[in-house]
C-alpha atoms as a PDB file:
ATOM      1  CA  UNK A   1      -0.253   0.095   0.342  1.00  0.00           C
ATOM      2  CA  UNK A   2       2.577   2.299   1.095  1.00  0.00           C
ATOM      3  CA  UNK A   3       5.024   1.375  -1.919  1.00  0.00           C
ATOM      4  CA  UNK A   4       2.023   2.021  -4.670  1.00  0.00           C
ATOM      5  CA  UNK A   5       1.087   5.643  -3.170  1.00  0.00           C
ATOM      6  CA  UNK A   6       5.020   6.236  -2.966  1.00  0.00           C
ATOM      7  CA  UNK A   7       5.490   5.395  -6.804  1.00  0.00           C
ATOM      8  CA  UNK A   8       2.371   7.382  -7.469  1.00  0.00           C
ATOM      9  CA  UNK A   9       3.763  10.425  -5.676  1.00  0.00           C
ATOM     10  CA  UNK A  10       7.411  10.052  -7.457  1.00  0.00           C
ATOM     11  CA  UNK A  11       5.099   9.909 -10.786  1.00  0.00           C
ATOM     12  CA  UNK A  12       3.467  12.810  -9.823  1.00  0.00           C
ATOM     13  CA  UNK A  13       6.730  15.017  -9.518  1.00  0.00           C
ATOM     14  CA  UNK A  14       8.748  13.819 -11.841  1.00  0.00           C
ATOM     15  CA  UNK A  15       5.531  15.082 -14.274  1.00  0.00           C
ATOM     16  CA  UNK A  16       5.394  18.333 -12.358  1.00  0.00           C
ATOM     17  CA  UNK A  17       9.245  18.951 -12.581  1.00  0.00           C
ATOM     18  CA  UNK A  18       8.696  18.206 -16.421  1.00  0.00           C
ATOM     19  CA  UNK A  19       5.860  20.687 -16.589  1.00  0.00           C
ATOM     20  CA  UNK A  20       7.685  23.076 -14.718  1.00  0.00           C
ATOM     21  CA  UNK A  21      11.193  22.654 -17.085  1.00  0.00           C
ATOM     22  CA  UNK A  22       9.003  23.243 -19.829  1.00  0.00           C
ATOM     23  CA  UNK A  23       7.400  26.662 -18.794  1.00  0.00           C
ATOM     24  CA  UNK A  24      10.995  27.853 -18.103  1.00  0.00           C
ATOM     25  CA  UNK A  25      12.297  26.828 -21.169  1.00  0.00           C
ATOM     26  CA  UNK A  26       9.078  28.894 -22.818  1.00  0.00           C
ATOM     27  CA  UNK A  27       9.869  31.615 -20.464  1.00  0.00           C
ATOM     28  CA  UNK A  28      13.461  32.141 -21.545  1.00  0.00           C
ATOM     29  CA  UNK A  29      12.579  31.845 -25.396  1.00  0.00           C
ATOM     30  CA  UNK A  30       9.627  34.254 -24.591  1.00  0.00           C
ATOM     31  CA  UNK A  31      12.543  36.632 -22.875  1.00  0.00           C
ATOM     32  CA  UNK A  32      14.741  36.133 -25.462  1.00  0.00           C
ATOM     33  CA  UNK A  33      12.587  37.308 -28.224  1.00  0.00           C
ATOM     34  CA  UNK A  34      10.776  40.169 -26.104  1.00  0.00           C
ATOM     35  CA  UNK A  35      14.544  41.663 -25.731  1.00  0.00           C
ATOM     36  CA  UNK A  36      15.265  41.041 -29.242  1.00  0.00           C
ATOM     37  CA  UNK A  37      12.053  42.700 -30.403  1.00  0.00           C
ATOM     38  CA  UNK A  38      12.315  45.660 -28.222  1.00  0.00           C
ATOM     39  CA  UNK A  39      16.052  46.284 -29.235  1.00  0.00           C
ATOM     40  CA  UNK A  40      14.740  46.041 -33.019  1.00  0.00           C
ATOM     41  CA  UNK A  41      11.898  48.494 -32.057  1.00  0.00           C
ATOM     42  CA  UNK A  42      14.294  50.652 -30.822  1.00  0.00           C
ATOM     43  CA  UNK A  43      16.870  50.883 -33.313  1.00  0.00           C
ATOM     44  CA  UNK A  44      14.050  51.381 -35.991  1.00  0.00           C
ATOM     45  CA  UNK A  45      12.581  54.192 -33.836  1.00  0.00           C
ATOM     46  CA  UNK A  46      15.819  56.305 -33.379  1.00  0.00           C
ATOM     47  CA  UNK A  47      16.835  55.739 -37.034  1.00  0.00           C
ATOM     48  CA  UNK A  48      13.262  57.166 -37.920  1.00  0.00           C
ATOM     49  CA  UNK A  49      13.832  60.205 -35.255  1.00  0.00           C
ATOM     50  CA  UNK A  50      17.141  61.125 -36.458  1.00  0.00           C
ATOM     51  CA  UNK A  51      16.573  61.125 -40.116  1.00  0.00           C
END
Protein backbone atom coordinates (compact mmCIF):
# COMPACT_ATOMS: atom_id res chain seq x y z
CA UNK A 1 0.00 0.00 0.00
CA UNK A 2 2.64 2.51 1.07
CA UNK A 3 5.01 1.45 -1.73
CA UNK A 4 2.26 1.98 -4.30
CA UNK A 5 1.47 5.47 -2.99
CA UNK A 6 5.16 6.33 -2.99
CA UNK A 7 5.48 5.37 -6.67
CA UNK A 8 2.41 7.44 -7.54
CA UNK A 9 3.81 10.45 -5.68
CA UNK A 10 7.17 10.07 -7.44
CA UNK A 11 5.40 9.91 -10.81
CA UNK A 12 3.44 13.06 -9.99
CA UNK A 13 6.61 14.88 -8.90
CA UNK A 14 8.32 13.77 -12.11
CA UNK A 15 5.43 15.07 -14.22
CA UNK A 16 5.42 18.35 -12.31
CA UNK A 17 9.18 18.79 -12.79
CA UNK A 18 8.89 18.12 -16.53
CA UNK A 19 6.02 20.59 -16.79
CA UNK A 20 7.97 23.15 -14.76
CA UNK A 21 10.98 22.69 -17.04
CA UNK A 22 8.83 23.24 -20.13
CA UNK A 23 7.28 26.39 -18.68
CA UNK A 24 10.69 27.80 -17.75
CA UNK A 25 12.03 26.92 -21.19
CA UNK A 26 9.14 28.78 -22.82
CA UNK A 27 9.68 31.74 -20.51
CA UNK A 28 13.34 31.90 -21.53
CA UNK A 29 12.48 31.73 -25.23
CA UNK A 30 9.79 34.38 -24.86
CA UNK A 31 12.11 36.60 -22.83
CA UNK A 32 14.90 36.47 -25.41
CA UNK A 33 12.37 37.10 -28.18
CA UNK A 34 10.98 40.05 -26.23
CA UNK A 35 14.47 41.51 -25.77
CA UNK A 36 15.21 41.04 -29.47
CA UNK A 37 11.94 42.70 -30.53
CA UNK A 38 12.42 45.51 -28.04
CA UNK A 39 15.96 46.12 -29.29
CA UNK A 40 14.87 46.09 -32.94
CA UNK A 41 11.99 48.44 -32.24
CA UNK A 42 14.29 50.90 -30.47
CA UNK A 43 16.76 50.83 -33.37
CA UNK A 44 14.03 51.45 -35.94
CA UNK A 45 12.42 54.14 -33.83
CA UNK A 46 15.79 55.83 -33.21
CA UNK A 47 16.69 55.83 -36.92
CA UNK A 48 13.27 57.24 -37.80
CA UNK A 49 13.69 60.07 -35.31
CA UNK A 50 17.25 60.80 -36.45
CA UNK A 51 16.44 61.23 -40.12
